[in-house]
């Protein structure tokens, strides 16, 4: 496909993107009494991205919101959601997930006190050409694992990770690869991987 052929939702000549980064936070949320509702998640995320120098460098704004109009009693409340178009990554650079979630966290804290129980992420992993990366950088975040390992063991939090790949056939191979990776990294607990395929 030619680079400058207009596509639905793409402005001709616009910078290449990696795809959509999306985060939704669920749990309990109490707005600060001094919070002005005019400062909604979209506005605050935009301002925080500008302040950190990330807007148009790491991502472009798409949308953000708070709550869900069809929240069912007994289900975790949707605190807020955020969606950006991630800038294309090249070489040994990872997707800007850490910066994105940092920005999301700052916005949620600015709005109120949150007890987050679930974070849902959509990452455009299919846009990353792993074969073109240097051997040491196929998974760039793995180079920083010692930073996390050196922390206070009492501060560690167990998490449940559910991975879905849409209709991609790779989902069948994922549990084995994750288990092998965990073993190589010295995992001391059994690895439970829940994967699903959209039919």
Protein backbone atom coordinates (compact mmCIF):
# COMPACT_ATOMS: atom_id res chain seq x y z
CA UNK A 1 0.00 0.00 0.00
CA UNK A 2 1.33 3.45 -0.88
CA UNK A 3 2.27 5.65 2.08
CA UNK A 4 0.25 8.73 1.06
CA UNK A 5 -2.95 7.02 -0.09
CA UNK A 6 -5.81 8.43 2.04
CA UNK A 7 -7.45 5.86 4.29
CA UNK A 8 -10.57 6.13 6.48
CA UNK A 9 -9.73 8.17 9.57
CA UNK A 10 -6.26 9.14 8.30
CA UNK A 11 -5.40 12.62 7.11
CA UNK A 12 -3.15 12.53 4.02
CA UNK A 13 0.37 13.56 4.98
CA UNK A 14 -0.24 12.97 8.71
CA UNK A 15 2.61 11.40 10.68
CA UNK A 16 2.62 7.61 10.84
CA UNK A 17 1.17 6.21 14.06
CA UNK A 18 1.61 2.92 15.87
CA UNK A 19 -2.13 2.72 16.54
CA UNK A 20 -4.47 3.26 19.44
CA UNK A 21 -3.43 3.21 23.10
CA UNK A 22 -6.50 2.82 25.32
CA UNK A 23 -6.83 2.56 29.10
CA UNK A 24 -9.92 2.15 31.27
CA UNK A 25 -9.71 2.25 35.07
CA UNK A 26 -12.33 0.49 37.20
CA UNK A 27 -12.90 0.63 40.94
CA UNK A 28 -14.12 3.19 43.44
CA UNK A 29 -13.71 6.92 42.97
CA UNK A 30 -14.57 9.89 45.16
CA UNK A 31 -14.17 13.30 43.48
CA UNK A 32 -12.29 15.96 45.45
CA UNK A 33 -14.74 18.53 46.88
CA UNK A 34 -12.78 21.31 45.21
CA UNK A 35 -12.67 19.65 41.77
CA UNK A 36 -14.29 21.72 39.01
CA UNK A 37 -16.19 19.38 36.63
CA UNK A 38 -15.18 21.70 33.77
CA UNK A 39 -11.73 20.14 34.16
CA UNK A 40 -12.81 16.82 32.65
CA UNK A 41 -10.47 13.88 31.89
CA UNK A 42 -9.93 14.98 28.28
CA UNK A 43 -8.90 18.51 29.23
CA UNK A 44 -6.71 17.38 32.11
CA UNK A 45 -5.03 14.64 30.06
CA UNK A 46 -4.33 17.15 27.28
CA UNK A 47 -2.85 19.63 29.79
CA UNK A 48 -0.73 16.99 31.51
CA UNK A 49 0.56 15.69 28.16
CA UNK A 50 1.55 19.23 27.19
CA UNK A 51 3.23 19.86 30.55
CA UNK A 52 5.34 16.70 30.22
CA UNK A 53 6.25 17.34 26.57
CA UNK A 54 4.53 14.16 25.44
CA UNK A 55 1.72 15.57 23.27
CA UNK A 56 2.56 15.12 19.59
CA UNK A 57 5.86 13.49 20.59
CA UNK A 58 4.56 10.25 22.10
CA UNK A 59 0.87 10.50 21.17
CA UNK A 60 -1.92 12.62 19.78
CA UNK A 61 -5.15 13.19 21.70
CA UNK A 62 -8.19 11.19 20.74
CA UNK A 63 -10.76 11.10 23.54
CA UNK A 64 -11.28 10.61 27.28
CA UNK A 65 -14.21 10.40 29.64
CA UNK A 66 -15.44 9.58 33.10
CA UNK A 67 -17.93 6.98 34.29
CA UNK A 68 -20.32 4.89 32.22
CA UNK A 69 -24.00 5.75 31.71
CA UNK A 70 -25.01 2.07 31.78
CA UNK A 71 -23.13 1.06 34.93
CA UNK A 72 -24.77 -2.02 36.47
CA UNK A 73 -24.95 -2.36 40.24
CA UNK A 74 -22.48 -4.91 41.57
CA UNK A 75 -19.97 -4.39 38.75
CA UNK A 76 -16.81 -2.32 39.24
CA UNK A 77 -17.43 1.32 38.41
CA UNK A 78 -15.70 2.74 35.34
CA UNK A 79 -13.66 5.55 36.91
CA UNK A 80 -12.28 7.00 33.68
CA UNK A 81 -11.05 6.02 30.23
CA UNK A 82 -8.44 7.50 27.90
CA UNK A 83 -7.62 6.95 24.22
CA UNK A 84 -4.72 8.35 22.23
CA UNK A 85 -3.06 7.70 18.88
CA UNK A 86 0.44 6.51 19.76
CA UNK A 87 3.28 7.88 17.66
CA UNK A 88 5.19 5.30 15.61
CA UNK A 89 8.05 3.69 17.50
CA UNK A 90 11.29 2.70 15.86
CA UNK A 91 14.58 1.05 16.60
CA UNK A 92 14.86 -0.06 20.19
CA UNK A 93 12.12 2.16 21.66
CA UNK A 94 9.07 0.62 23.36
CA UNK A 95 5.49 1.81 23.10
CA UNK A 96 5.04 4.71 25.56
CA UNK A 97 2.86 2.65 27.91
CA UNK A 98 4.62 3.76 31.10
CA UNK A 99 4.29 7.47 30.23
CA UNK A 100 0.69 6.95 29.11
CA UNK A 101 -0.31 5.24 32.36
CA UNK A 102 1.62 7.85 34.35
CA UNK A 103 -0.41 10.57 32.66
CA UNK A 104 -3.64 8.62 33.25
CA UNK A 105 -2.78 8.24 36.94
CA UNK A 106 -2.00 11.93 37.34
CA UNK A 107 -5.35 12.89 35.81
CA UNK A 108 -7.36 10.48 37.97
CA UNK A 109 -5.57 11.71 41.12
CA UNK A 110 -6.27 15.32 40.13
CA UNK A 111 -10.01 14.57 39.85
CA UNK A 112 -10.39 12.60 43.08
CA UNK A 113 -9.36 9.73 45.34
CA UNK A 114 -9.40 6.40 43.53
CA UNK A 115 -9.15 2.79 44.60
CA UNK A 116 -8.40 1.11 41.27
CA UNK A 117 -9.21 -2.60 41.08
CA UNK A 118 -8.94 -3.21 37.31
CA UNK A 119 -6.97 -1.56 34.51
CA UNK A 120 -7.94 -2.51 30.97
CA UNK A 121 -5.36 -1.75 28.27
CA UNK A 122 -5.45 -1.92 24.50
CA UNK A 123 -1.96 -1.84 22.98
CA UNK A 124 -1.18 -1.74 19.23
CA UNK A 125 1.38 -4.56 19.42
CA UNK A 126 0.71 -5.62 15.84
CA UNK A 127 2.24 -2.36 14.61
CA UNK A 128 5.68 -3.18 16.03
CA UNK A 129 8.05 -4.95 13.66
CA UNK A 130 10.01 -7.08 16.12
CA UNK A 131 12.11 -8.59 13.31
CA UNK A 132 13.61 -5.18 12.49
CA UNK A 133 14.73 -4.51 16.07
CA UNK A 134 18.21 -5.20 17.43
CA UNK A 135 18.43 -8.59 19.18
CA UNK A 136 18.82 -6.94 22.61
CA UNK A 137 15.72 -4.78 22.11
CA UNK A 138 13.01 -7.12 20.84
CA UNK A 139 11.29 -6.54 24.20
CA UNK A 140 12.77 -3.21 25.37
CA UNK A 141 11.07 -3.20 28.77
CA UNK A 142 12.84 -6.45 29.70
CA UNK A 143 16.10 -4.49 29.82
CA UNK A 144 14.68 -2.56 32.80
CA UNK A 145 13.41 -5.52 34.81
CA UNK A 146 16.19 -5.15 37.41
CA UNK A 147 14.76 -1.73 38.33
CA UNK A 148 11.56 -3.43 39.46
CA UNK A 149 13.32 -6.40 41.03
CA UNK A 150 15.42 -4.11 43.26
CA UNK A 151 12.36 -2.66 45.03
CA UNK A 152 10.94 -3.43 48.46
CA UNK A 153 9.55 -7.00 48.33
CA UNK A 154 6.75 -5.96 50.72
CA UNK A 155 5.57 -3.41 48.15
CA UNK A 156 4.94 -6.04 45.48
CA UNK A 157 1.34 -6.54 44.42
CA UNK A 158 0.07 -9.74 42.83
CA UNK A 159 -1.90 -9.09 39.67
CA UNK A 160 -4.00 -11.13 37.30
CA UNK A 161 -3.23 -10.57 33.62
CA UNK A 162 -5.74 -11.56 30.95
CA UNK A 163 -4.43 -11.41 27.38
CA UNK A 164 -6.63 -11.31 24.29
CA UNK A 165 -5.46 -11.13 20.70
CA UNK A 166 -8.68 -10.68 18.80
CA UNK A 167 -8.70 -13.14 15.92
CA UNK A 168 -4.92 -13.56 15.71
CA UNK A 169 -3.78 -17.19 15.80
CA UNK A 170 -0.80 -16.25 17.99
CA UNK A 171 -3.02 -16.58 21.05
CA UNK A 172 -2.54 -20.37 21.09
CA UNK A 173 1.25 -20.03 21.45
CA UNK A 174 1.23 -17.25 24.02
CA UNK A 175 0.83 -19.27 27.26
CA UNK A 176 3.83 -21.48 26.49
CA UNK A 177 6.05 -18.51 25.61
CA UNK A 178 5.03 -16.56 28.72
CA UNK A 179 5.67 -19.58 30.96
CA UNK A 180 9.13 -20.08 29.38
CA UNK A 181 9.94 -16.39 29.85
CA UNK A 182 8.82 -16.47 33.48
CA UNK A 183 11.03 -19.52 34.13
CA UNK A 184 14.07 -17.84 32.51
CA UNK A 185 13.51 -14.77 34.68
CA UNK A 186 13.44 -16.90 37.82
CA UNK A 187 9.72 -16.80 38.65
CA UNK A 188 9.14 -18.34 42.07
CA UNK A 189 5.36 -18.71 41.78
CA UNK A 190 3.30 -20.63 39.21
CA UNK A 191 2.31 -18.54 36.21
CA UNK A 192 -1.40 -18.46 35.47
CA UNK A 193 -2.13 -17.13 31.99
CA UNK A 194 -5.72 -16.56 30.94
CA UNK A 195 -5.95 -16.01 27.20
CA UNK A 196 -8.98 -15.58 24.99
CA UNK A 197 -9.71 -15.34 21.31
CA UNK A 198 -12.52 -13.27 19.85
CA UNK A 199 -14.54 -15.48 17.53
